[in-house]
Amino acid sequence: MSDWRDEAVMYGRYVAALFRPGHRVPTFDVYRIVAGDMAGWSAEELRLLVEEGRRQVDRHARELERIQSRAQFLFTTALALLIVLAAAGRRVATSEGVVMLLVWGLGTAVVAAGMLGASSLLAVRAEVSGIETALLSTQAPGGVLEALARSYAGMMSRGESSVATRLTLIATRSPSSLSGPASTSWYGE
């Protein structure tokens, strides 16, 4: 279980990855279910597992697409807000109110951090798994279904953790959550 400090560190890693192309960023380890032994399963049971695995992979793709759409909206909103804040900057700087300058600076920093976070969710590669059909084609005849079932059963943790991490980051660190981390996240209380 992590707290807001863990989420802030993860957020910083994603933002830092914007400036280090190709750098792999970690995810929260939230999906700890280990695939069981499928020895003795019937062909019908293996087919059912493969079908469920395909559904789960499709759900990962849909959820990542929704998160990316949210990040695009947050990025454009934050960019527009930064333009407005920048336009007001001269007026704020020439005013005699130090408190106003501090509030403006803090607001600008929060919106800029939100924009960087949204940018990172758009640019940093999501860690998901898929079936490598060329590798699957190297299986001995009669072993393809079992190999496919094992592959689907074993690859879900990466996709689940990637979706959960991105959902947590967008929910807790967006420009719209100026009050700080959300009280709950995808993966815990």
N, C-alpha and C. Protein backbone atom coordinates (compact mmCIF):
# COMPACT_ATOMS: atom_id res chain seq x y z
N MET A 1 0.85 -1.17 0.00
CA MET A 1 0.00 0.00 0.00
C MET A 1 0.90 1.24 0.00
N SER A 2 0.54 2.21 -0.74
CA SER A 2 1.35 3.43 -0.79
C SER A 2 0.51 4.61 -0.32
N ASP A 3 1.19 5.69 -0.08
CA ASP A 3 0.49 6.90 0.33
C ASP A 3 0.78 8.00 -0.68
N TRP A 4 0.39 9.20 -0.36
CA TRP A 4 0.53 10.30 -1.31
C TRP A 4 1.99 10.58 -1.63
N ARG A 5 2.91 10.27 -0.71
CA ARG A 5 4.33 10.50 -1.00
C ARG A 5 4.82 9.56 -2.11
N ASP A 6 4.36 8.30 -2.04
CA ASP A 6 4.72 7.35 -3.10
C ASP A 6 4.15 7.81 -4.44
N GLU A 7 2.94 8.32 -4.41
CA GLU A 7 2.31 8.80 -5.63
C GLU A 7 3.05 10.02 -6.18
N ALA A 8 3.51 10.90 -5.29
CA ALA A 8 4.27 12.08 -5.72
C ALA A 8 5.60 11.68 -6.35
N VAL A 9 6.27 10.69 -5.76
CA VAL A 9 7.53 10.20 -6.32
C VAL A 9 7.30 9.60 -7.70
N MET A 10 6.24 8.79 -7.82
CA MET A 10 5.93 8.17 -9.11
C MET A 10 5.61 9.25 -10.15
N TYR A 11 4.86 10.27 -9.72
CA TYR A 11 4.54 11.39 -10.61
C TYR A 11 5.82 12.05 -11.11
N GLY A 12 6.76 12.28 -10.20
CA GLY A 12 8.04 12.88 -10.57
C GLY A 12 8.82 12.01 -11.54
N ARG A 13 8.75 10.70 -11.37
CA ARG A 13 9.44 9.80 -12.30
C ARG A 13 8.85 9.88 -13.70
N TYR A 14 7.53 9.99 -13.78
CA TYR A 14 6.89 10.10 -15.08
C TYR A 14 7.24 11.43 -15.74
N VAL A 15 7.25 12.51 -14.97
CA VAL A 15 7.62 13.81 -15.54
C VAL A 15 9.09 13.79 -15.97
N ALA A 16 9.96 13.21 -15.16
CA ALA A 16 11.38 13.13 -15.52
C ALA A 16 11.58 12.31 -16.80
N ALA A 17 10.74 11.32 -17.02
CA ALA A 17 10.85 10.49 -18.22
C ALA A 17 10.58 11.29 -19.49
N LEU A 18 9.89 12.42 -19.35
CA LEU A 18 9.69 13.30 -20.52
C LEU A 18 11.02 13.78 -21.08
N PHE A 19 12.00 13.94 -20.20
CA PHE A 19 13.29 14.49 -20.59
C PHE A 19 14.35 13.40 -20.80
N ARG A 20 13.92 12.13 -20.68
CA ARG A 20 14.81 11.00 -20.93
C ARG A 20 14.08 10.01 -21.83
N PRO A 21 14.03 10.30 -23.13
CA PRO A 21 13.30 9.43 -24.05
C PRO A 21 13.80 7.99 -23.98
N GLY A 22 12.86 7.06 -24.01
CA GLY A 22 13.20 5.65 -23.98
C GLY A 22 13.40 5.10 -22.58
N HIS A 23 13.41 5.97 -21.59
CA HIS A 23 13.60 5.53 -20.21
C HIS A 23 12.33 4.82 -19.73
N ARG A 24 12.50 3.64 -19.18
CA ARG A 24 11.37 2.87 -18.69
C ARG A 24 11.00 3.36 -17.29
N VAL A 25 9.72 3.66 -17.09
CA VAL A 25 9.26 4.11 -15.78
C VAL A 25 8.56 2.95 -15.06
N PRO A 26 8.70 2.90 -13.76
CA PRO A 26 8.07 1.81 -13.02
C PRO A 26 6.56 2.03 -12.89
N THR A 27 5.90 1.02 -12.42
CA THR A 27 4.47 1.13 -12.10
C THR A 27 4.29 0.64 -10.67
N PHE A 28 3.15 1.00 -10.08
CA PHE A 28 2.82 0.46 -8.77
C PHE A 28 2.55 -1.03 -8.94
N ASP A 29 3.08 -1.82 -8.04
CA ASP A 29 2.88 -3.26 -8.09
C ASP A 29 1.56 -3.58 -7.40
N VAL A 30 0.48 -3.53 -8.16
CA VAL A 30 -0.84 -3.69 -7.56
C VAL A 30 -1.50 -5.02 -7.86
N TYR A 31 -1.07 -5.68 -8.89
CA TYR A 31 -1.70 -6.94 -9.31
C TYR A 31 -0.75 -8.06 -8.95
N ARG A 32 -1.00 -8.68 -7.84
CA ARG A 32 -0.06 -9.68 -7.34
C ARG A 32 -0.59 -11.11 -7.49
N ILE A 33 -1.56 -11.31 -8.33
CA ILE A 33 -2.11 -12.64 -8.54
C ILE A 33 -1.18 -13.40 -9.48
N VAL A 34 -0.73 -14.55 -9.04
CA VAL A 34 0.16 -15.38 -9.83
C VAL A 34 -0.67 -16.43 -10.56
N ALA A 35 -0.35 -16.66 -11.82
CA ALA A 35 -1.08 -17.66 -12.60
C ALA A 35 -0.91 -19.03 -11.98
N GLY A 36 -1.98 -19.78 -11.97
CA GLY A 36 -1.96 -21.12 -11.39
C GLY A 36 -1.48 -22.16 -12.37
N ASP A 37 -1.40 -23.37 -11.88
CA ASP A 37 -0.98 -24.51 -12.69
C ASP A 37 -2.17 -24.97 -13.53
N MET A 38 -1.99 -25.05 -14.83
CA MET A 38 -3.08 -25.45 -15.72
C MET A 38 -2.92 -26.88 -16.21
N ALA A 39 -2.03 -27.61 -15.60
CA ALA A 39 -1.83 -29.01 -15.99
C ALA A 39 -3.13 -29.77 -15.76
N GLY A 40 -3.52 -30.52 -16.73
CA GLY A 40 -4.74 -31.31 -16.61
C GLY A 40 -6.00 -30.58 -17.06
N TRP A 41 -5.85 -29.33 -17.49
CA TRP A 41 -7.03 -28.60 -17.97
C TRP A 41 -7.44 -29.18 -19.32
N SER A 42 -8.73 -29.19 -19.57
CA SER A 42 -9.23 -29.66 -20.87
C SER A 42 -9.03 -28.57 -21.91
N ALA A 43 -9.13 -28.95 -23.16
CA ALA A 43 -9.00 -27.98 -24.26
C ALA A 43 -10.07 -26.90 -24.14
N GLU A 44 -11.26 -27.26 -23.73
CA GLU A 44 -12.34 -26.28 -23.58
C GLU A 44 -12.02 -25.28 -22.47
N GLU A 45 -11.46 -25.76 -21.39
CA GLU A 45 -11.08 -24.86 -20.28
C GLU A 45 -9.96 -23.91 -20.72
N LEU A 46 -9.01 -24.43 -21.49
CA LEU A 46 -7.93 -23.58 -21.99
C LEU A 46 -8.47 -22.52 -22.96
N ARG A 47 -9.41 -22.90 -23.82
CA ARG A 47 -10.03 -21.93 -24.74
C ARG A 47 -10.76 -20.83 -23.96
N LEU A 48 -11.43 -21.22 -22.90
CA LEU A 48 -12.14 -20.25 -22.07
C LEU A 48 -11.15 -19.27 -21.43
N LEU A 49 -10.03 -19.79 -20.95
CA LEU A 49 -9.02 -18.92 -20.36
C LEU A 49 -8.45 -17.96 -21.40
N VAL A 50 -8.20 -18.44 -22.60
CA VAL A 50 -7.68 -17.59 -23.69
C VAL A 50 -8.69 -16.49 -24.01
N GLU A 51 -9.95 -16.85 -24.11
CA GLU A 51 -10.98 -15.86 -24.43
C GLU A 51 -11.07 -14.79 -23.33
N GLU A 52 -11.02 -15.22 -22.08
CA GLU A 52 -11.05 -14.26 -20.98
C GLU A 52 -9.79 -13.39 -20.99
N GLY A 53 -8.65 -13.98 -21.32
CA GLY A 53 -7.41 -13.21 -21.43
C GLY A 53 -7.51 -12.14 -22.50
N ARG A 54 -8.10 -12.50 -23.63
CA ARG A 54 -8.29 -11.51 -24.71
C ARG A 54 -9.18 -10.36 -24.25
N ARG A 55 -10.24 -10.70 -23.53
CA ARG A 55 -11.13 -9.65 -23.01
C ARG A 55 -10.39 -8.72 -22.05
N GLN A 56 -9.56 -9.30 -21.20
CA GLN A 56 -8.83 -8.49 -20.24
C GLN A 56 -7.82 -7.58 -20.95
N VAL A 57 -7.13 -8.10 -21.95
CA VAL A 57 -6.18 -7.28 -22.71
C VAL A 57 -6.94 -6.16 -23.45
N ASP A 58 -8.08 -6.47 -24.02
CA ASP A 58 -8.90 -5.44 -24.68
C ASP A 58 -9.34 -4.37 -23.68
N ARG A 59 -9.70 -4.79 -22.46
CA ARG A 59 -10.10 -3.83 -21.43
C ARG A 59 -8.93 -2.93 -21.06
N HIS A 60 -7.73 -3.48 -20.96
CA HIS A 60 -6.54 -2.66 -20.69
C HIS A 60 -6.38 -1.59 -21.77
N ALA A 61 -6.52 -2.00 -23.02
CA ALA A 61 -6.36 -1.05 -24.13
C ALA A 61 -7.41 0.05 -24.05
N ARG A 62 -8.67 -0.31 -23.77
CA ARG A 62 -9.73 0.70 -23.66
C ARG A 62 -9.47 1.65 -22.50
N GLU A 63 -9.06 1.12 -21.36
CA GLU A 63 -8.81 1.97 -20.21
C GLU A 63 -7.62 2.90 -20.45
N LEU A 64 -6.57 2.40 -21.08
CA LEU A 64 -5.43 3.26 -21.39
C LEU A 64 -5.82 4.35 -22.39
N GLU A 65 -6.70 4.02 -23.32
CA GLU A 65 -7.19 5.02 -24.27
C GLU A 65 -8.00 6.11 -23.56
N ARG A 66 -8.83 5.71 -22.61
CA ARG A 66 -9.61 6.70 -21.84
C ARG A 66 -8.70 7.58 -21.01
N ILE A 67 -7.69 7.00 -20.41
CA ILE A 67 -6.74 7.78 -19.62
C ILE A 67 -6.01 8.76 -20.51
N GLN A 68 -5.63 8.32 -21.70
CA GLN A 68 -4.95 9.22 -22.63
C GLN A 68 -5.87 10.37 -23.06
N SER A 69 -7.13 10.09 -23.27
CA SER A 69 -8.08 11.15 -23.61
C SER A 69 -8.19 12.17 -22.49
N ARG A 70 -8.24 11.69 -21.25
CA ARG A 70 -8.29 12.60 -20.10
C ARG A 70 -7.02 13.44 -20.04
N ALA A 71 -5.88 12.81 -20.28
CA ALA A 71 -4.61 13.53 -20.24
C ALA A 71 -4.55 14.60 -21.32
N GLN A 72 -5.09 14.30 -22.51
CA GLN A 72 -5.13 15.30 -23.58
C GLN A 72 -5.98 16.50 -23.17
N PHE A 73 -7.13 16.22 -22.55
CA PHE A 73 -8.00 17.30 -22.09
C PHE A 73 -7.29 18.13 -21.01
N LEU A 74 -6.66 17.46 -20.06
CA LEU A 74 -5.95 18.17 -18.99
C LEU A 74 -4.79 18.99 -19.54
N PHE A 75 -4.08 18.45 -20.52
CA PHE A 75 -2.96 19.17 -21.10
C PHE A 75 -3.44 20.47 -21.76
N THR A 76 -4.46 20.38 -22.60
CA THR A 76 -4.93 21.58 -23.29
C THR A 76 -5.54 22.58 -22.32
N THR A 77 -6.24 22.10 -21.31
CA THR A 77 -6.82 23.00 -20.31
C THR A 77 -5.71 23.70 -19.53
N ALA A 78 -4.70 22.95 -19.11
CA ALA A 78 -3.59 23.53 -18.36
C ALA A 78 -2.80 24.51 -19.22
N LEU A 79 -2.62 24.20 -20.50
CA LEU A 79 -1.91 25.10 -21.39
C LEU A 79 -2.66 26.42 -21.52
N ALA A 80 -3.97 26.35 -21.71
CA ALA A 80 -4.78 27.58 -21.80
C ALA A 80 -4.71 28.37 -20.50
N LEU A 81 -4.78 27.68 -19.38
CA LEU A 81 -4.71 28.36 -18.09
C LEU A 81 -3.34 29.00 -17.87
N LEU A 82 -2.28 28.33 -18.32
CA LEU A 82 -0.95 28.93 -18.21
C LEU A 82 -0.82 30.19 -19.06
N ILE A 83 -1.44 30.19 -20.21
CA ILE A 83 -1.42 31.40 -21.07
C ILE A 83 -2.13 32.55 -20.36
N VAL A 84 -3.26 32.27 -19.75
CA VAL A 84 -4.00 33.30 -19.01
C VAL A 84 -3.16 33.79 -17.82
N LEU A 85 -2.56 32.86 -17.09
CA LEU A 85 -1.73 33.24 -15.94
C LEU A 85 -0.51 34.05 -16.38
N ALA A 86 0.08 33.68 -17.51
CA ALA A 86 1.23 34.43 -18.01
C ALA A 86 0.83 35.85 -18.41
N ALA A 87 -0.34 35.96 -19.02
CA ALA A 87 -0.82 37.29 -19.41
C ALA A 87 -1.06 38.17 -18.18
N ALA A 88 -1.47 37.56 -17.08
CA ALA A 88 -1.72 38.32 -15.86
C ALA A 88 -0.44 38.56 -15.07
N GLY A 89 0.63 37.91 -15.45
CA GLY A 89 1.88 37.99 -14.71
C GLY A 89 2.44 39.38 -14.54
N ARG A 90 2.41 40.19 -15.59
CA ARG A 90 2.96 41.55 -15.50
C ARG A 90 2.15 42.38 -14.51
N ARG A 91 0.85 42.26 -14.60
CA ARG A 91 -0.01 43.03 -13.69
C ARG A 91 0.23 42.59 -12.24
N VAL A 92 0.36 41.31 -12.03
CA VAL A 92 0.59 40.80 -10.67
C VAL A 92 1.96 41.25 -10.18
N ALA A 93 2.97 41.20 -11.03
CA ALA A 93 4.33 41.57 -10.63
C ALA A 93 4.44 43.05 -10.28
N THR A 94 3.67 43.89 -10.95
CA THR A 94 3.75 45.33 -10.67
C THR A 94 2.81 45.76 -9.55
N SER A 95 1.97 44.86 -9.08
CA SER A 95 1.11 45.21 -7.96
C SER A 95 1.95 45.23 -6.69
N GLU A 96 1.41 45.87 -5.69
CA GLU A 96 2.16 45.99 -4.44
C GLU A 96 1.84 44.86 -3.48
N GLY A 97 1.00 43.95 -3.88
CA GLY A 97 0.61 42.86 -2.99
C GLY A 97 1.53 41.66 -3.11
N VAL A 98 2.34 41.43 -2.10
CA VAL A 98 3.24 40.29 -2.09
C VAL A 98 2.45 38.99 -2.02
N VAL A 99 1.36 39.02 -1.27
CA VAL A 99 0.53 37.82 -1.15
C VAL A 99 -0.02 37.43 -2.52
N MET A 100 -0.47 38.42 -3.28
CA MET A 100 -1.00 38.15 -4.62
C MET A 100 0.07 37.53 -5.51
N LEU A 101 1.28 38.03 -5.41
CA LEU A 101 2.38 37.50 -6.21
C LEU A 101 2.68 36.04 -5.80
N LEU A 102 2.66 35.77 -4.51
CA LEU A 102 2.90 34.41 -4.04
C LEU A 102 1.80 33.45 -4.49
N VAL A 103 0.56 33.89 -4.40
CA VAL A 103 -0.56 33.05 -4.82
C VAL A 103 -0.49 32.81 -6.33
N TRP A 104 -0.18 33.85 -7.09
CA TRP A 104 -0.04 33.70 -8.53
C TRP A 104 1.09 32.73 -8.86
N GLY A 105 2.23 32.87 -8.20
CA GLY A 105 3.36 31.98 -8.45
C GLY A 105 3.05 30.54 -8.10
N LEU A 106 2.39 30.33 -6.97
CA LEU A 106 2.01 28.99 -6.56
C LEU A 106 1.01 28.38 -7.55
N GLY A 107 0.02 29.17 -7.94
CA GLY A 107 -0.97 28.69 -8.91
C GLY A 107 -0.34 28.34 -10.24
N THR A 108 0.56 29.18 -10.69
CA THR A 108 1.25 28.92 -11.95
C THR A 108 2.09 27.64 -11.86
N ALA A 109 2.78 27.45 -10.74
CA ALA A 109 3.60 26.25 -10.56
C ALA A 109 2.72 24.99 -10.53
N VAL A 110 1.58 25.04 -9.86
CA VAL A 110 0.70 23.88 -9.79
C VAL A 110 0.15 23.54 -11.17
N VAL A 111 -0.27 24.54 -11.91
CA VAL A 111 -0.80 24.30 -13.25
C VAL A 111 0.30 23.77 -14.18
N ALA A 112 1.50 24.33 -14.07
CA ALA A 112 2.62 23.84 -14.89
C ALA A 112 2.96 22.39 -14.54
N ALA A 113 2.94 22.05 -13.26
CA ALA A 113 3.20 20.68 -12.85
C ALA A 113 2.11 19.75 -13.39
N GLY A 114 0.87 20.20 -13.35
CA GLY A 114 -0.22 19.40 -13.91
C GLY A 114 -0.07 19.20 -15.40
N MET A 115 0.37 20.24 -16.10
CA MET A 115 0.57 20.12 -17.54
C MET A 115 1.71 19.14 -17.85
N LEU A 116 2.77 19.19 -17.06
CA LEU A 116 3.87 18.25 -17.26
C LEU A 116 3.42 16.82 -16.98
N GLY A 117 2.61 16.63 -15.96
CA GLY A 117 2.09 15.31 -15.65
C GLY A 117 1.21 14.77 -16.76
N ALA A 118 0.33 15.62 -17.27
CA ALA A 118 -0.52 15.20 -18.39
C ALA A 118 0.33 14.88 -19.61
N SER A 119 1.36 15.69 -19.85
CA SER A 119 2.27 15.42 -20.98
C SER A 119 2.96 14.08 -20.82
N SER A 120 3.34 13.75 -19.59
CA SER A 120 4.04 12.48 -19.37
C SER A 120 3.12 11.31 -19.65
N LEU A 121 1.85 11.42 -19.29
CA LEU A 121 0.91 10.33 -19.57
C LEU A 121 0.66 10.18 -21.06
N LEU A 122 0.84 11.26 -21.81
CA LEU A 122 0.69 11.19 -23.27
C LEU A 122 1.94 10.64 -23.94
N ALA A 123 3.11 10.94 -23.39
CA ALA A 123 4.36 10.63 -24.08
C ALA A 123 5.05 9.36 -23.60
N VAL A 124 4.92 9.04 -22.33
CA VAL A 124 5.64 7.90 -21.78
C VAL A 124 4.90 6.61 -22.14
N ARG A 125 5.65 5.66 -22.60
CA ARG A 125 5.09 4.39 -23.07
C ARG A 125 4.44 3.62 -21.92
N ALA A 126 3.25 3.13 -22.16
CA ALA A 126 2.55 2.29 -21.17
C ALA A 126 3.11 0.88 -21.24
N GLU A 127 3.30 0.28 -20.09
CA GLU A 127 3.81 -1.09 -20.01
C GLU A 127 2.64 -2.06 -20.06
N VAL A 128 2.42 -2.64 -21.21
CA VAL A 128 1.38 -3.65 -21.36
C VAL A 128 1.99 -4.83 -22.12
N SER A 129 1.32 -5.95 -22.05
CA SER A 129 1.81 -7.15 -22.71
C SER A 129 0.87 -7.56 -23.82
N GLY A 130 1.38 -8.36 -24.71
CA GLY A 130 0.57 -8.91 -25.79
C GLY A 130 1.15 -10.24 -26.21
N ILE A 131 0.43 -10.91 -27.04
CA ILE A 131 0.88 -12.21 -27.53
C ILE A 131 1.76 -11.99 -28.76
N GLU A 132 2.95 -12.54 -28.72
CA GLU A 132 3.87 -12.46 -29.86
C GLU A 132 3.58 -13.67 -30.75
N THR A 133 2.87 -13.40 -31.84
CA THR A 133 2.43 -14.51 -32.69
C THR A 133 3.59 -15.23 -33.37
N ALA A 134 4.66 -14.52 -33.70
CA ALA A 134 5.81 -15.19 -34.33
C ALA A 134 6.42 -16.19 -33.35
N LEU A 135 6.51 -15.81 -32.10
CA LEU A 135 7.03 -16.73 -31.09
C LEU A 135 6.07 -17.89 -30.86
N LEU A 136 4.79 -17.59 -30.86
CA LEU A 136 3.79 -18.64 -30.68
C LEU A 136 3.87 -19.67 -31.81
N SER A 137 4.23 -19.21 -33.00
CA SER A 137 4.31 -20.13 -34.14
C SER A 137 5.43 -21.14 -34.01
N THR A 138 6.34 -20.93 -33.07
CA THR A 138 7.44 -21.88 -32.89
C THR A 138 7.07 -23.04 -31.98
N GLN A 139 5.86 -23.03 -31.44
CA GLN A 139 5.42 -24.11 -30.55
C GLN A 139 5.20 -25.39 -31.35
N ALA A 140 5.42 -26.49 -30.69
CA ALA A 140 5.20 -27.79 -31.32
C ALA A 140 3.70 -27.99 -31.56
N PRO A 141 3.36 -28.68 -32.63
CA PRO A 141 1.94 -28.93 -32.89
C PRO A 141 1.28 -29.60 -31.67
N GLY A 142 0.08 -29.14 -31.37
CA GLY A 142 -0.65 -29.67 -30.24
C GLY A 142 -0.38 -28.91 -28.94
N GLY A 143 0.63 -28.06 -28.91
CA GLY A 143 0.97 -27.33 -27.70
C GLY A 143 0.63 -25.86 -27.76
N VAL A 144 0.06 -25.42 -28.88
CA VAL A 144 -0.20 -24.00 -29.08
C VAL A 144 -1.25 -23.49 -28.09
N LEU A 145 -2.34 -24.18 -27.94
CA LEU A 145 -3.42 -23.72 -27.06
C LEU A 145 -2.92 -23.60 -25.62
N GLU A 146 -2.17 -24.58 -25.17
CA GLU A 146 -1.65 -24.53 -23.80
C GLU A 146 -0.65 -23.39 -23.63
N ALA A 147 0.22 -23.19 -24.63
CA ALA A 147 1.19 -22.09 -24.56
C ALA A 147 0.47 -20.74 -24.57
N LEU A 148 -0.55 -20.62 -25.38
CA LEU A 148 -1.32 -19.39 -25.45
C LEU A 148 -2.02 -19.12 -24.12
N ALA A 149 -2.63 -20.14 -23.54
CA ALA A 149 -3.30 -19.99 -22.24
C ALA A 149 -2.31 -19.58 -21.16
N ARG A 150 -1.12 -20.21 -21.13
CA ARG A 150 -0.10 -19.84 -20.15
C ARG A 150 0.34 -18.40 -20.34
N SER A 151 0.49 -17.99 -21.60
CA SER A 151 0.93 -16.61 -21.88
C SER A 151 -0.10 -15.60 -21.39
N TYR A 152 -1.35 -15.82 -21.71
CA TYR A 152 -2.40 -14.90 -21.25
C TYR A 152 -2.47 -14.87 -19.73
N ALA A 153 -2.41 -16.03 -19.09
CA ALA A 153 -2.51 -16.07 -17.64
C ALA A 153 -1.34 -15.37 -16.97
N GLY A 154 -0.17 -15.42 -17.58
CA GLY A 154 1.02 -14.85 -16.96
C GLY A 154 1.27 -13.38 -17.23
N MET A 155 0.58 -12.80 -18.19
CA MET A 155 0.93 -11.43 -18.59
C MET A 155 0.00 -10.34 -18.03
N MET A 156 -0.97 -10.69 -17.27
CA MET A 156 -1.96 -9.70 -16.84
C MET A 156 -1.44 -8.70 -15.83
N SER A 157 -0.47 -9.07 -15.02
CA SER A 157 -0.01 -8.15 -13.97
C SER A 157 0.56 -6.86 -14.53
N ARG A 158 1.29 -6.95 -15.63
CA ARG A 158 1.90 -5.76 -16.21
C ARG A 158 0.84 -4.76 -16.68
N GLY A 159 -0.16 -5.25 -17.39
CA GLY A 159 -1.22 -4.36 -17.88
C GLY A 159 -2.05 -3.78 -16.76
N GLU A 160 -2.43 -4.60 -15.79
CA GLU A 160 -3.23 -4.12 -14.66
C GLU A 160 -2.47 -3.06 -13.87
N SER A 161 -1.19 -3.30 -13.63
CA SER A 161 -0.38 -2.33 -12.87
C SER A 161 -0.18 -1.04 -13.64
N SER A 162 0.01 -1.13 -14.95
CA SER A 162 0.18 0.06 -15.77
C SER A 162 -1.09 0.91 -15.78
N VAL A 163 -2.22 0.27 -15.96
CA VAL A 163 -3.50 1.00 -15.94
C VAL A 163 -3.72 1.64 -14.58
N ALA A 164 -3.50 0.89 -13.51
CA ALA A 164 -3.72 1.41 -12.16
C ALA A 164 -2.81 2.59 -11.86
N THR A 165 -1.56 2.50 -12.26
CA THR A 165 -0.61 3.59 -12.02
C THR A 165 -1.04 4.85 -12.75
N ARG A 166 -1.36 4.74 -14.01
CA ARG A 166 -1.76 5.90 -14.79
C ARG A 166 -3.07 6.51 -14.29
N LEU A 167 -3.99 5.66 -13.91
CA LEU A 167 -5.25 6.15 -13.38
C LEU A 167 -5.03 6.88 -12.06
N THR A 168 -4.16 6.36 -11.22
CA THR A 168 -3.84 7.01 -9.96
C THR A 168 -3.17 8.35 -10.20
N LEU A 169 -2.22 8.40 -11.13
CA LEU A 169 -1.51 9.65 -11.40
C LEU A 169 -2.43 10.72 -11.96
N ILE A 170 -3.32 10.35 -12.85
CA ILE A 170 -4.20 11.36 -13.43
C ILE A 170 -5.26 11.80 -12.43
N ALA A 171 -5.64 10.92 -11.53
CA ALA A 171 -6.67 11.26 -10.54
C ALA A 171 -6.11 12.10 -9.40
N THR A 172 -4.85 11.90 -9.05
CA THR A 172 -4.33 12.58 -7.87
C THR A 172 -3.47 13.79 -8.17
N ARG A 173 -3.03 13.93 -9.38
CA ARG A 173 -2.08 15.02 -9.67
C ARG A 173 -2.48 15.88 -10.85
N SER A 174 -3.73 15.94 -11.16
CA SER A 174 -4.16 16.76 -12.30
C SER A 174 -4.35 18.20 -11.85
N PRO A 175 -4.35 19.16 -12.79
CA PRO A 175 -4.56 20.56 -12.43
C PRO A 175 -5.90 20.77 -11.75
N SER A 176 -6.84 19.87 -11.96
CA SER A 176 -8.15 20.05 -11.35
C SER A 176 -8.17 19.64 -9.88
N SER A 177 -7.13 18.95 -9.42
CA SER A 177 -7.10 18.57 -8.01
C SER A 177 -6.08 19.41 -7.28
N LEU A 178 -6.37 20.69 -7.18
CA LEU A 178 -5.44 21.64 -6.59
C LEU A 178 -5.27 21.45 -5.09
N SER A 179 -6.17 20.71 -4.48
CA SER A 179 -6.10 20.54 -3.03
C SER A 179 -5.14 19.45 -2.62
N GLY A 180 -4.50 18.78 -3.55
CA GLY A 180 -3.56 17.74 -3.19
C GLY A 180 -4.06 16.38 -3.60
N PRO A 181 -3.46 15.35 -3.05
CA PRO A 181 -3.82 13.98 -3.45
C PRO A 181 -5.27 13.65 -3.13
N ALA A 182 -5.84 12.83 -3.95
CA ALA A 182 -7.21 12.39 -3.70
C ALA A 182 -7.22 11.47 -2.48
N SER A 183 -8.37 11.33 -1.87
CA SER A 183 -8.44 10.52 -0.65
C SER A 183 -8.35 9.04 -0.93
N THR A 184 -8.69 8.63 -2.13
CA THR A 184 -8.55 7.22 -2.49
C THR A 184 -7.90 7.13 -3.85
N SER A 185 -7.33 5.99 -4.10
CA SER A 185 -6.72 5.77 -5.40
C SER A 185 -7.21 4.44 -5.95
N TRP A 186 -6.78 4.11 -7.12
CA TRP A 186 -7.21 2.90 -7.81
C TRP A 186 -6.86 1.66 -7.02
N TYR A 187 -5.72 1.65 -6.38
CA TYR A 187 -5.17 0.43 -5.84
C TYR A 187 -5.24 0.30 -4.33
N GLY A 188 -5.79 1.22 -3.62
CA GLY A 188 -5.81 1.07 -2.18
C GLY A 188 -6.66 2.11 -1.50
N GLU A 189 -6.62 2.08 -0.20
CA GLU A 189 -7.43 3.01 0.59
C GLU A 189 -6.64 4.26 0.88
